[in-house]
Amino acid sequence: MKSYLIAASMLLACVGPSCWAQESPSEDRADVVLATPTDTQVADAAPPTNIPSVQLFDLLMKGGWLMAPIVLMSILVVAIGVERMMGLRESRIVPSGLVTELGRLAESSVFDPRQAYKLCQRYPSSAARVVRAMLLKVGRPHAEVEATVANACQAESDSLYSNVRTLNLAATVTPLLGLLGTVWGMIQAFFVTANLPDASNKGEALAQGIYVALVTTFAGLAVAIPAAVLAHYFEGRILRMLREVENLAASLLPQVERYEGKLRLDKQRLESEPTNGNVASAPHHATPRPAS
């Protein structure tokens, strides 16, 4: 028995180190897995895919029939913007020369309505038309003269605001046209996607239809934003210049009131006379008011 135990101990001493020194198959497989590149690493190592850039002109061509009124609105906004830039110049509304000479004439000891009328003929403008309308009421009651000035200012305001209202219309309607085009494009995109075969890539088809449908909204906003900015700028400019016109007419009212019941200007005679630079030397033509 004792000899048997000794033999078993010697056998274990020989076999044990070889068992510990041998690597397990699972560890070998783990090393192989760690050494093998993963799918993510392979994907990272792959060259990047070239994504095509968005071509604005191509998108606009795909916008559909609703792009036509949006393009027309854009042309209209540009045309009105250029026209109002030229029409709202200070020389067309309140010329500095007219303001200076009328102010000098109003401060003089002898105010001649005919000279003031000739000055207005030399500076054709909104301010000149308002002052001329007031001067033609020389000799009338004060309330009638004030009403004439108010009506003339309102007429000039309507004329100056005429095209600005079109800009406000474009700023309001164009985004709605773009939204209508987008809704119509979305309807078409979902309809086409729903009728594709099961084997087709419906997600890709839907995405393509949606980004094309959004083109009209982009175009509508691209037209509406400049139109709104231009309308706001022109409205502020018109208000400022009309205020200057009203102040100019108000500065002449005290001089006009001095002639109440004394004389009337003859428009036909004033219009027929030539206009030159020296209005002060011209003879005074006025129609005396008949005695009551």
C-alpha atoms as a PDB file:
ATOM      1  CA  MET A   1       0.000   0.000   0.000  1.00  0.00           C
ATOM      2  CA  LYS A   2       2.769   2.349   0.939  1.00  0.00           C
ATOM      3  CA  SER A   3       4.602   1.619  -2.316  1.00  0.00           C
ATOM      4  CA  TYR A   4       1.384   2.351  -4.246  1.00  0.00           C
ATOM      5  CA  LEU A   5       1.042   5.799  -2.746  1.00  0.00           C
ATOM      6  CA  ILE A   6       4.646   6.598  -3.560  1.00  0.00           C
ATOM      7  CA  ALA A   7       4.131   5.608  -7.208  1.00  0.00           C
ATOM      8  CA  ALA A   8       0.974   7.767  -7.490  1.00  0.00           C
ATOM      9  CA  SER A   9       2.788  10.792  -6.065  1.00  0.00           C
ATOM     10  CA  MET A  10       5.620  10.432  -8.548  1.00  0.00           C
ATOM     11  CA  LEU A  11       3.101  10.204 -11.438  1.00  0.00           C
ATOM     12  CA  LEU A  12       1.351  13.425 -10.392  1.00  0.00           C
ATOM     13  CA  ALA A  13       4.673  15.207 -10.085  1.00  0.00           C
ATOM     14  CA  CYS A  14       5.529  14.361 -13.689  1.00  0.00           C
ATOM     15  CA  VAL A  15       2.128  15.070 -15.286  1.00  0.00           C
ATOM     16  CA  GLY A  16       1.120  18.304 -13.373  1.00  0.00           C
ATOM     17  CA  PRO A  17       3.637  20.806 -14.835  1.00  0.00           C
ATOM     18  CA  SER A  18       2.824  19.753 -18.374  1.00  0.00           C
ATOM     19  CA  CYS A  19      -0.897  20.325 -17.740  1.00  0.00           C
ATOM     20  CA  TRP A  20      -0.372  23.846 -16.366  1.00  0.00           C
ATOM     21  CA  ALA A  21       2.013  24.766 -19.163  1.00  0.00           C
ATOM     22  CA  GLN A  22      -0.506  23.878 -21.906  1.00  0.00           C
ATOM     23  CA  GLU A  23      -2.822  26.711 -22.968  1.00  0.00           C
ATOM     24  CA  SER A  24      -6.495  26.027 -23.132  1.00  0.00           C
ATOM     25  CA  PRO A  25      -8.288  26.015 -26.500  1.00  0.00           C
ATOM     26  CA  SER A  26     -10.649  28.781 -25.319  1.00  0.00           C
ATOM     27  CA  GLU A  27      -7.726  31.107 -24.682  1.00  0.00           C
ATOM     28  CA  ASP A  28      -6.387  30.393 -28.177  1.00  0.00           C
ATOM     29  CA  ARG A  29      -9.736  31.266 -29.678  1.00  0.00           C
ATOM     30  CA  ALA A  30      -9.899  34.499 -27.676  1.00  0.00           C
ATOM     31  CA  ASP A  31      -6.481  35.541 -28.942  1.00  0.00           C
ATOM     32  CA  VAL A  32      -7.570  34.842 -32.489  1.00  0.00           C
ATOM     33  CA  VAL A  33     -10.738  36.893 -32.024  1.00  0.00           C
ATOM     34  CA  LEU A  34      -8.810  39.824 -30.579  1.00  0.00           C
ATOM     35  CA  ALA A  35      -6.285  39.689 -33.388  1.00  0.00           C
ATOM     36  CA  THR A  36      -8.979  39.604 -36.099  1.00  0.00           C
ATOM     37  CA  PRO A  37     -10.154  43.098 -37.186  1.00  0.00           C
ATOM     38  CA  THR A  38     -13.807  43.807 -36.427  1.00  0.00           C
ATOM     39  CA  ASP A  39     -16.418  45.025 -38.887  1.00  0.00           C
ATOM     40  CA  THR A  40     -16.287  48.515 -37.376  1.00  0.00           C
ATOM     41  CA  GLN A  41     -12.540  48.706 -37.853  1.00  0.00           C
ATOM     42  CA  VAL A  42     -12.897  47.575 -41.447  1.00  0.00           C
ATOM     43  CA  ALA A  43     -15.592  50.202 -42.019  1.00  0.00           C
ATOM     44  CA  ASP A  44     -13.414  52.902 -40.493  1.00  0.00           C
ATOM     45  CA  ALA A  45     -10.526  51.927 -42.695  1.00  0.00           C
ATOM     46  CA  ALA A  46     -12.683  52.078 -45.849  1.00  0.00           C
ATOM     47  CA  PRO A  47     -12.343  55.242 -47.956  1.00  0.00           C
ATOM     48  CA  PRO A  48     -15.116  57.857 -47.375  1.00  0.00           C
ATOM     49  CA  THR A  49     -18.013  57.935 -49.821  1.00  0.00           C
ATOM     50  CA  ASN A  50     -18.287  61.095 -51.963  1.00  0.00           C
ATOM     51  CA  ILE A  51     -21.683  62.678 -51.165  1.00  0.00           C
ATOM     52  CA  PRO A  52     -22.959  64.813 -54.053  1.00  0.00           C
ATOM     53  CA  SER A  53     -23.465  68.494 -53.263  1.00  0.00           C
ATOM     54  CA  VAL A  54     -26.842  70.175 -53.564  1.00  0.00           C
ATOM     55  CA  GLN A  55     -27.254  72.020 -56.867  1.00  0.00           C
ATOM     56  CA  LEU A  56     -29.635  74.928 -56.296  1.00  0.00           C
ATOM     57  CA  PHE A  57     -30.579  75.362 -59.949  1.00  0.00           C
ATOM     58  CA  ASP A  58     -31.439  71.678 -60.315  1.00  0.00           C
ATOM     59  CA  LEU A  59     -33.603  71.836 -57.204  1.00  0.00           C
ATOM     60  CA  LEU A  60     -35.439  74.897 -58.467  1.00  0.00           C
ATOM     61  CA  MET A  61     -36.159  73.111 -61.727  1.00  0.00           C
ATOM     62  CA  LYS A  62     -37.657  70.230 -59.728  1.00  0.00           C
ATOM     63  CA  GLY A  63     -39.864  72.543 -57.663  1.00  0.00           C
ATOM     64  CA  GLY A  64     -42.898  72.041 -59.865  1.00  0.00           C
ATOM     65  CA  TRP A  65     -45.377  74.398 -61.463  1.00  0.00           C
ATOM     66  CA  LEU A  66     -45.773  76.481 -58.293  1.00  0.00           C
ATOM     67  CA  MET A  67     -42.233  77.757 -58.800  1.00  0.00           C
ATOM     68  CA  ALA A  68     -43.528  79.875 -61.700  1.00  0.00           C
ATOM     69  CA  PRO A  69     -45.530  82.386 -59.580  1.00  0.00           C
ATOM     70  CA  ILE A  70     -42.721  82.486 -57.005  1.00  0.00           C
ATOM     71  CA  VAL A  71     -40.203  83.385 -59.709  1.00  0.00           C
ATOM     72  CA  LEU A  72     -42.571  86.056 -61.051  1.00  0.00           C
ATOM     73  CA  MET A  73     -42.893  87.474 -57.533  1.00  0.00           C
ATOM     74  CA  SER A  74     -39.116  87.613 -57.211  1.00  0.00           C
ATOM     75  CA  ILE A  75     -38.829  89.591 -60.457  1.00  0.00           C
ATOM     76  CA  LEU A  76     -41.586  91.933 -59.258  1.00  0.00           C
ATOM     77  CA  VAL A  77     -39.853  92.507 -55.914  1.00  0.00           C
ATOM     78  CA  VAL A  78     -36.567  93.378 -57.624  1.00  0.00           C
ATOM     79  CA  ALA A  79     -38.279  95.740 -60.088  1.00  0.00           C
ATOM     80  CA  ILE A  80     -40.269  97.540 -57.386  1.00  0.00           C
ATOM     81  CA  GLY A  81     -37.223  97.760 -55.140  1.00  0.00           C
ATOM     82  CA  VAL A  82     -35.206  99.503 -57.854  1.00  0.00           C
ATOM     83  CA  GLU A  83     -38.125 101.765 -58.810  1.00  0.00           C
ATOM     84  CA  ARG A  84     -38.777 102.871 -55.221  1.00  0.00           C
ATOM     85  CA  MET A  85     -35.081 103.456 -54.609  1.00  0.00           C
ATOM     86  CA  MET A  86     -35.144 105.931 -57.483  1.00  0.00           C
ATOM     87  CA  GLY A  87     -38.590 107.362 -56.738  1.00  0.00           C
ATOM     88  CA  LEU A  88     -38.019 107.999 -53.033  1.00  0.00           C
ATOM     89  CA  ARG A  89     -34.934 110.115 -53.461  1.00  0.00           C
ATOM     90  CA  GLU A  90     -34.956 113.327 -51.477  1.00  0.00           C
ATOM     91  CA  SER A  91     -34.859 115.406 -54.662  1.00  0.00           C
ATOM     92  CA  ARG A  92     -38.131 113.775 -55.773  1.00  0.00           C
ATOM     93  CA  ILE A  93     -39.975 114.284 -52.475  1.00  0.00           C
ATOM     94  CA  VAL A  94     -38.539 117.201 -50.488  1.00  0.00           C
ATOM     95  CA  PRO A  95     -35.808 119.002 -52.468  1.00  0.00           C
ATOM     96  CA  SER A  96     -33.415 120.840 -50.198  1.00  0.00           C
ATOM     97  CA  GLY A  97     -33.343 123.819 -52.579  1.00  0.00           C
ATOM     98  CA  LEU A  98     -37.117 124.224 -52.378  1.00  0.00           C
ATOM     99  CA  VAL A  99     -37.100 124.044 -48.586  1.00  0.00           C
ATOM    100  CA  THR A 100     -34.298 126.606 -48.334  1.00  0.00           C
ATOM    101  CA  GLU A 101     -35.820 129.140 -50.735  1.00  0.00           C
ATOM    102  CA  LEU A 102     -39.358 128.817 -49.365  1.00  0.00           C
ATOM    103  CA  GLY A 103     -37.998 129.222 -45.855  1.00  0.00           C
ATOM    104  CA  ARG A 104     -36.147 132.370 -46.884  1.00  0.00           C
ATOM    105  CA  LEU A 105     -39.277 133.679 -48.612  1.00  0.00           C
ATOM    106  CA  ALA A 106     -41.469 132.941 -45.584  1.00  0.00           C
ATOM    107  CA  GLU A 107     -39.093 134.813 -43.272  1.00  0.00           C
ATOM    108  CA  SER A 108     -39.047 137.911 -45.474  1.00  0.00           C
ATOM    109  CA  SER A 109     -41.123 140.937 -44.555  1.00  0.00           C
ATOM    110  CA  VAL A 110     -43.192 140.719 -47.753  1.00  0.00           C
ATOM    111  CA  PHE A 111     -44.402 137.210 -48.656  1.00  0.00           C
ATOM    112  CA  ASP A 112     -45.431 136.919 -52.286  1.00  0.00           C
ATOM    113  CA  PRO A 113     -47.608 133.824 -52.964  1.00  0.00           C
ATOM    114  CA  ARG A 114     -46.820 134.079 -56.658  1.00  0.00           C
ATOM    115  CA  GLN A 115     -43.084 133.847 -56.031  1.00  0.00           C
ATOM    116  CA  ALA A 116     -43.689 130.798 -53.866  1.00  0.00           C
ATOM    117  CA  TYR A 117     -45.760 129.244 -56.651  1.00  0.00           C
ATOM    118  CA  LYS A 118     -42.963 129.831 -59.180  1.00  0.00           C
ATOM    119  CA  LEU A 119     -40.460 128.235 -56.801  1.00  0.00           C
ATOM    120  CA  CYS A 120     -42.656 125.144 -56.675  1.00  0.00           C
ATOM    121  CA  GLN A 121     -42.639 125.019 -60.469  1.00  0.00           C
ATOM    122  CA  ARG A 122     -38.839 125.055 -60.463  1.00  0.00           C
ATOM    123  CA  TYR A 123     -38.679 122.061 -58.084  1.00  0.00           C
ATOM    124  CA  PRO A 124     -41.271 119.496 -59.253  1.00  0.00           C
ATOM    125  CA  SER A 125     -41.759 117.179 -56.288  1.00  0.00           C
ATOM    126  CA  SER A 126     -44.287 115.968 -53.735  1.00  0.00           C
ATOM    127  CA  ALA A 127     -43.604 118.944 -51.476  1.00  0.00           C
ATOM    128  CA  ALA A 128     -44.041 121.341 -54.391  1.00  0.00           C
ATOM    129  CA  ARG A 129     -47.415 119.848 -55.311  1.00  0.00           C
ATOM    130  CA  VAL A 130     -48.678 120.195 -51.736  1.00  0.00           C
ATOM    131  CA  VAL A 131     -47.504 123.804 -51.449  1.00  0.00           C
ATOM    132  CA  ARG A 132     -48.965 124.700 -54.854  1.00  0.00           C
ATOM    133  CA  ALA A 133     -52.342 123.289 -53.827  1.00  0.00           C
ATOM    134  CA  MET A 134     -52.177 125.418 -50.675  1.00  0.00           C
ATOM    135  CA  LEU A 135     -51.169 128.573 -52.555  1.00  0.00           C
ATOM    136  CA  LEU A 136     -54.090 128.210 -54.963  1.00  0.00           C
ATOM    137  CA  LYS A 137     -56.346 128.571 -51.904  1.00  0.00           C
ATOM    138  CA  VAL A 138     -54.842 131.928 -50.930  1.00  0.00           C
ATOM    139  CA  GLY A 139     -57.626 134.257 -49.800  1.00  0.00           C
ATOM    140  CA  ARG A 140     -59.900 131.397 -48.696  1.00  0.00           C
ATOM    141  CA  PRO A 141     -60.815 130.701 -45.051  1.00  0.00           C
ATOM    142  CA  HIS A 142     -58.156 129.110 -42.868  1.00  0.00           C
ATOM    143  CA  ALA A 143     -60.119 125.867 -42.441  1.00  0.00           C
ATOM    144  CA  GLU A 144     -60.408 125.439 -46.202  1.00  0.00           C
ATOM    145  CA  VAL A 145     -56.669 125.968 -46.664  1.00  0.00           C
ATOM    146  CA  GLU A 146     -55.864 123.376 -43.982  1.00  0.00           C
ATOM    147  CA  ALA A 147     -58.266 120.875 -45.560  1.00  0.00           C
ATOM    148  CA  THR A 148     -56.596 121.412 -48.929  1.00  0.00           C
ATOM    149  CA  VAL A 149     -53.157 120.743 -47.436  1.00  0.00           C
ATOM    150  CA  ALA A 150     -54.425 117.573 -45.743  1.00  0.00           C
ATOM    151  CA  ASN A 151     -55.997 116.287 -48.958  1.00  0.00           C
ATOM    152  CA  ALA A 152     -52.865 117.039 -50.979  1.00  0.00           C
ATOM    153  CA  CYS A 153     -50.668 115.232 -48.430  1.00  0.00           C
ATOM    154  CA  GLN A 154     -53.010 112.243 -48.503  1.00  0.00           C
ATOM    155  CA  ALA A 155     -52.872 112.122 -52.302  1.00  0.00           C
ATOM    156  CA  GLU A 156     -49.069 112.168 -52.234  1.00  0.00           C
ATOM    157  CA  SER A 157     -49.040 109.482 -49.547  1.00  0.00           C
ATOM    158  CA  ASP A 158     -51.259 107.206 -51.631  1.00  0.00           C
ATOM    159  CA  SER A 159     -48.999 107.714 -54.638  1.00  0.00           C
ATOM    160  CA  LEU A 160     -45.811 106.973 -52.694  1.00  0.00           C
ATOM    161  CA  TYR A 161     -47.270 103.904 -50.970  1.00  0.00           C
ATOM    162  CA  SER A 162     -48.743 102.360 -54.127  1.00  0.00           C
ATOM    163  CA  ASN A 163     -45.818 100.088 -54.990  1.00  0.00           C
ATOM    164  CA  VAL A 164     -44.862  99.509 -51.355  1.00  0.00           C
ATOM    165  CA  ARG A 165     -48.198  97.772 -50.858  1.00  0.00           C
ATOM    166  CA  THR A 166     -47.184  95.356 -53.606  1.00  0.00           C
ATOM    167  CA  LEU A 167     -44.033  94.517 -51.641  1.00  0.00           C
ATOM    168  CA  ASN A 168     -46.146  93.780 -48.566  1.00  0.00           C
ATOM    169  CA  LEU A 169     -48.372  91.560 -50.698  1.00  0.00           C
ATOM    170  CA  ALA A 170     -45.344  89.649 -52.008  1.00  0.00           C
ATOM    171  CA  ALA A 171     -43.980  89.225 -48.468  1.00  0.00           C
ATOM    172  CA  THR A 172     -47.311  87.727 -47.372  1.00  0.00           C
ATOM    173  CA  VAL A 173     -48.347  85.608 -50.350  1.00  0.00           C
ATOM    174  CA  THR A 174     -45.016  84.128 -51.490  1.00  0.00           C
ATOM    175  CA  PRO A 175     -44.406  81.986 -48.361  1.00  0.00           C
ATOM    176  CA  LEU A 176     -47.946  80.645 -48.679  1.00  0.00           C
ATOM    177  CA  LEU A 177     -47.261  79.652 -52.277  1.00  0.00           C
ATOM    178  CA  GLY A 178     -44.100  77.902 -51.127  1.00  0.00           C
ATOM    179  CA  LEU A 179     -45.984  76.087 -48.369  1.00  0.00           C
ATOM    180  CA  LEU A 180     -48.661  75.017 -50.835  1.00  0.00           C
ATOM    181  CA  GLY A 181     -45.985  73.608 -53.131  1.00  0.00           C
ATOM    182  CA  THR A 182     -44.391  71.716 -50.241  1.00  0.00           C
ATOM    183  CA  VAL A 183     -47.703  70.183 -49.170  1.00  0.00           C
ATOM    184  CA  TRP A 184     -48.409  69.118 -52.739  1.00  0.00           C
ATOM    185  CA  GLY A 185     -44.923  67.647 -53.062  1.00  0.00           C
ATOM    186  CA  MET A 186     -45.311  65.714 -49.792  1.00  0.00           C
ATOM    187  CA  ILE A 187     -48.588  64.261 -51.010  1.00  0.00           C
ATOM    188  CA  GLN A 188     -46.899  63.102 -54.201  1.00  0.00           C
ATOM    189  CA  ALA A 189     -43.905  61.679 -52.299  1.00  0.00           C
ATOM    190  CA  PHE A 190     -46.063  59.579 -49.972  1.00  0.00           C
ATOM    191  CA  PHE A 191     -48.277  58.455 -52.841  1.00  0.00           C
ATOM    192  CA  VAL A 192     -45.304  57.274 -54.901  1.00  0.00           C
ATOM    193  CA  THR A 193     -43.722  55.565 -51.886  1.00  0.00           C
ATOM    194  CA  ALA A 194     -46.929  53.746 -51.006  1.00  0.00           C
ATOM    195  CA  ASN A 195     -47.213  52.335 -54.527  1.00  0.00           C
ATOM    196  CA  LEU A 196     -43.628  51.070 -54.816  1.00  0.00           C
ATOM    197  CA  PRO A 197     -43.003  47.292 -54.915  1.00  0.00           C
ATOM    198  CA  ASP A 198     -42.079  45.620 -51.636  1.00  0.00           C
ATOM    199  CA  ALA A 199     -38.525  44.965 -52.826  1.00  0.00           C
ATOM    200  CA  SER A 200     -37.901  48.693 -53.462  1.00  0.00           C
ATOM    201  CA  ASN A 201     -36.099  50.998 -51.051  1.00  0.00           C
ATOM    202  CA  LYS A 202     -39.098  53.010 -49.888  1.00  0.00           C
ATOM    203  CA  GLY A 203     -37.128  55.004 -47.338  1.00  0.00           C
ATOM    204  CA  GLU A 204     -34.771  56.362 -49.955  1.00  0.00           C
ATOM    205  CA  ALA A 205     -37.617  57.186 -52.327  1.00  0.00           C
ATOM    206  CA  LEU A 206     -39.527  59.007 -49.578  1.00  0.00           C
ATOM    207  CA  ALA A 207     -36.470  61.026 -48.527  1.00  0.00           C
ATOM    208  CA  GLN A 208     -35.846  62.106 -52.111  1.00  0.00           C
ATOM    209  CA  GLY A 209     -39.457  63.191 -52.531  1.00  0.00           C
ATOM    210  CA  ILE A 210     -39.429  65.194 -49.287  1.00  0.00           C
ATOM    211  CA  TYR A 211     -36.274  67.186 -50.004  1.00  0.00           C
ATOM    212  CA  VAL A 212     -37.571  68.065 -53.457  1.00  0.00           C
ATOM    213  CA  ALA A 213     -40.909  69.130 -51.957  1.00  0.00           C
ATOM    214  CA  LEU A 214     -39.188  71.541 -49.549  1.00  0.00           C
ATOM    215  CA  VAL A 215     -37.712  73.513 -52.453  1.00  0.00           C
ATOM    216  CA  THR A 216     -40.825  75.664 -52.882  1.00  0.00           C
ATOM    217  CA  THR A 217     -40.825  76.656 -49.212  1.00  0.00           C
ATOM    218  CA  PHE A 218     -37.172  77.661 -49.488  1.00  0.00           C
ATOM    219  CA  ALA A 219     -37.868  79.693 -52.621  1.00  0.00           C
ATOM    220  CA  GLY A 220     -40.893  81.379 -51.063  1.00  0.00           C
ATOM    221  CA  LEU A 221     -38.933  82.457 -47.986  1.00  0.00           C
ATOM    222  CA  ALA A 222     -36.012  83.615 -50.134  1.00  0.00           C
ATOM    223  CA  VAL A 223     -38.381  86.027 -51.897  1.00  0.00           C
ATOM    224  CA  ALA A 224     -40.536  87.040 -48.913  1.00  0.00           C
ATOM    225  CA  ILE A 225     -37.727  88.041 -46.540  1.00  0.00           C
ATOM    226  CA  PRO A 226     -36.147  90.675 -48.844  1.00  0.00           C
ATOM    227  CA  ALA A 227     -39.626  91.928 -49.771  1.00  0.00           C
ATOM    228  CA  ALA A 228     -40.534  92.452 -46.109  1.00  0.00           C
ATOM    229  CA  VAL A 229     -37.235  94.226 -45.398  1.00  0.00           C
ATOM    230  CA  LEU A 230     -37.640  96.546 -48.396  1.00  0.00           C
ATOM    231  CA  ALA A 231     -41.259  97.341 -47.508  1.00  0.00           C
ATOM    232  CA  HIS A 232     -40.297  98.241 -43.940  1.00  0.00           C
ATOM    233  CA  TYR A 233     -37.444 100.460 -45.142  1.00  0.00           C
ATOM    234  CA  PHE A 234     -39.568 102.276 -47.726  1.00  0.00           C
ATOM    235  CA  GLU A 235     -42.442 102.829 -45.285  1.00  0.00           C
ATOM    236  CA  GLY A 236     -40.110 104.469 -42.791  1.00  0.00           C
ATOM    237  CA  ARG A 237     -38.586 106.650 -45.490  1.00  0.00           C
ATOM    238  CA  ILE A 238     -42.007 107.742 -46.767  1.00  0.00           C
ATOM    239  CA  LEU A 239     -43.246 108.617 -43.282  1.00  0.00           C
ATOM    240  CA  ARG A 240     -40.159 110.718 -42.588  1.00  0.00           C
ATOM    241  CA  MET A 241     -40.426 112.643 -45.866  1.00  0.00           C
ATOM    242  CA  LEU A 242     -44.169 113.216 -45.551  1.00  0.00           C
ATOM    243  CA  ARG A 243     -43.542 114.669 -42.112  1.00  0.00           C
ATOM    244  CA  GLU A 244     -41.077 117.108 -43.674  1.00  0.00           C
ATOM    245  CA  VAL A 245     -43.661 118.069 -46.307  1.00  0.00           C
ATOM    246  CA  GLU A 246     -46.272 118.749 -43.628  1.00  0.00           C
ATOM    247  CA  ASN A 247     -43.808 120.842 -41.636  1.00  0.00           C
ATOM    248  CA  LEU A 248     -42.958 122.862 -44.751  1.00  0.00           C
ATOM    249  CA  ALA A 249     -46.626 123.565 -45.470  1.00  0.00           C
ATOM    250  CA  ALA A 250     -47.268 124.450 -41.823  1.00  0.00           C
ATOM    251  CA  SER A 251     -44.424 126.981 -41.879  1.00  0.00           C
ATOM    252  CA  LEU A 252     -46.103 128.798 -44.787  1.00  0.00           C
ATOM    253  CA  LEU A 253     -49.629 128.828 -43.346  1.00  0.00           C
ATOM    254  CA  PRO A 254     -49.175 132.002 -41.242  1.00  0.00           C
ATOM    255  CA  GLN A 255     -48.055 133.896 -44.352  1.00  0.00           C
ATOM    256  CA  VAL A 256     -50.959 132.545 -46.393  1.00  0.00           C
ATOM    257  CA  GLU A 257     -53.463 133.562 -43.701  1.00  0.00           C
ATOM    258  CA  ARG A 258     -52.439 137.193 -44.133  1.00  0.00           C
ATOM    259  CA  TYR A 259     -54.096 137.197 -47.558  1.00  0.00           C
ATOM    260  CA  GLU A 260     -57.410 135.765 -46.351  1.00  0.00           C
ATOM    261  CA  GLY A 261     -60.196 137.661 -48.083  1.00  0.00           C
ATOM    262  CA  LYS A 262     -57.742 139.878 -49.971  1.00  0.00           C
ATOM    263  CA  LEU A 263     -56.658 138.132 -53.186  1.00  0.00           C
ATOM    264  CA  ARG A 264     -56.870 134.969 -55.255  1.00  0.00           C
ATOM    265  CA  LEU A 265     -54.205 133.455 -57.477  1.00  0.00           C
ATOM    266  CA  ASP A 266     -55.086 132.734 -61.092  1.00  0.00           C
ATOM    267  CA  LYS A 267     -53.792 129.238 -61.842  1.00  0.00           C
ATOM    268  CA  GLN A 268     -54.078 129.490 -65.640  1.00  0.00           C
ATOM    269  CA  ARG A 269     -52.099 132.717 -65.753  1.00  0.00           C
ATOM    270  CA  LEU A 270     -49.439 131.362 -63.399  1.00  0.00           C
ATOM    271  CA  GLU A 271     -49.066 128.157 -65.401  1.00  0.00           C
ATOM    272  CA  SER A 272     -48.741 130.018 -68.692  1.00  0.00           C
ATOM    273  CA  GLU A 273     -45.940 132.294 -67.496  1.00  0.00           C
ATOM    274  CA  PRO A 274     -42.362 131.116 -68.103  1.00  0.00           C
ATOM    275  CA  THR A 275     -40.383 129.992 -65.081  1.00  0.00           C
ATOM    276  CA  ASN A 276     -36.903 131.416 -64.662  1.00  0.00           C
ATOM    277  CA  GLY A 277     -34.359 131.606 -61.901  1.00  0.00           C
ATOM    278  CA  ASN A 278     -35.247 135.166 -60.779  1.00  0.00           C
ATOM    279  CA  VAL A 279     -38.804 134.837 -59.550  1.00  0.00           C
ATOM    280  CA  ALA A 280     -38.575 137.864 -57.294  1.00  0.00           C
ATOM    281  CA  SER A 281     -38.340 140.293 -60.228  1.00  0.00           C
ATOM    282  CA  ALA A 282     -41.470 139.009 -61.960  1.00  0.00           C
ATOM    283  CA  PRO A 283     -44.607 141.176 -61.780  1.00  0.00           C
ATOM    284  CA  HIS A 284     -47.313 140.138 -59.366  1.00  0.00           C
ATOM    285  CA  HIS A 285     -50.423 138.660 -60.975  1.00  0.00           C
ATOM    286  CA  ALA A 286     -53.307 138.010 -58.650  1.00  0.00           C
ATOM    287  CA  THR A 287     -57.039 138.260 -58.990  1.00  0.00           C
ATOM    288  CA  PRO A 288     -58.499 140.621 -56.415  1.00  0.00           C
ATOM    289  CA  ARG A 289     -61.446 139.261 -54.530  1.00  0.00           C
ATOM    290  CA  PRO A 290     -64.627 141.076 -55.517  1.00  0.00           C
ATOM    291  CA  ALA A 291     -66.082 143.250 -52.837  1.00  0.00           C
ATOM    292  CA  SER A 292     -69.105 141.807 -51.144  1.00  0.00           C
END
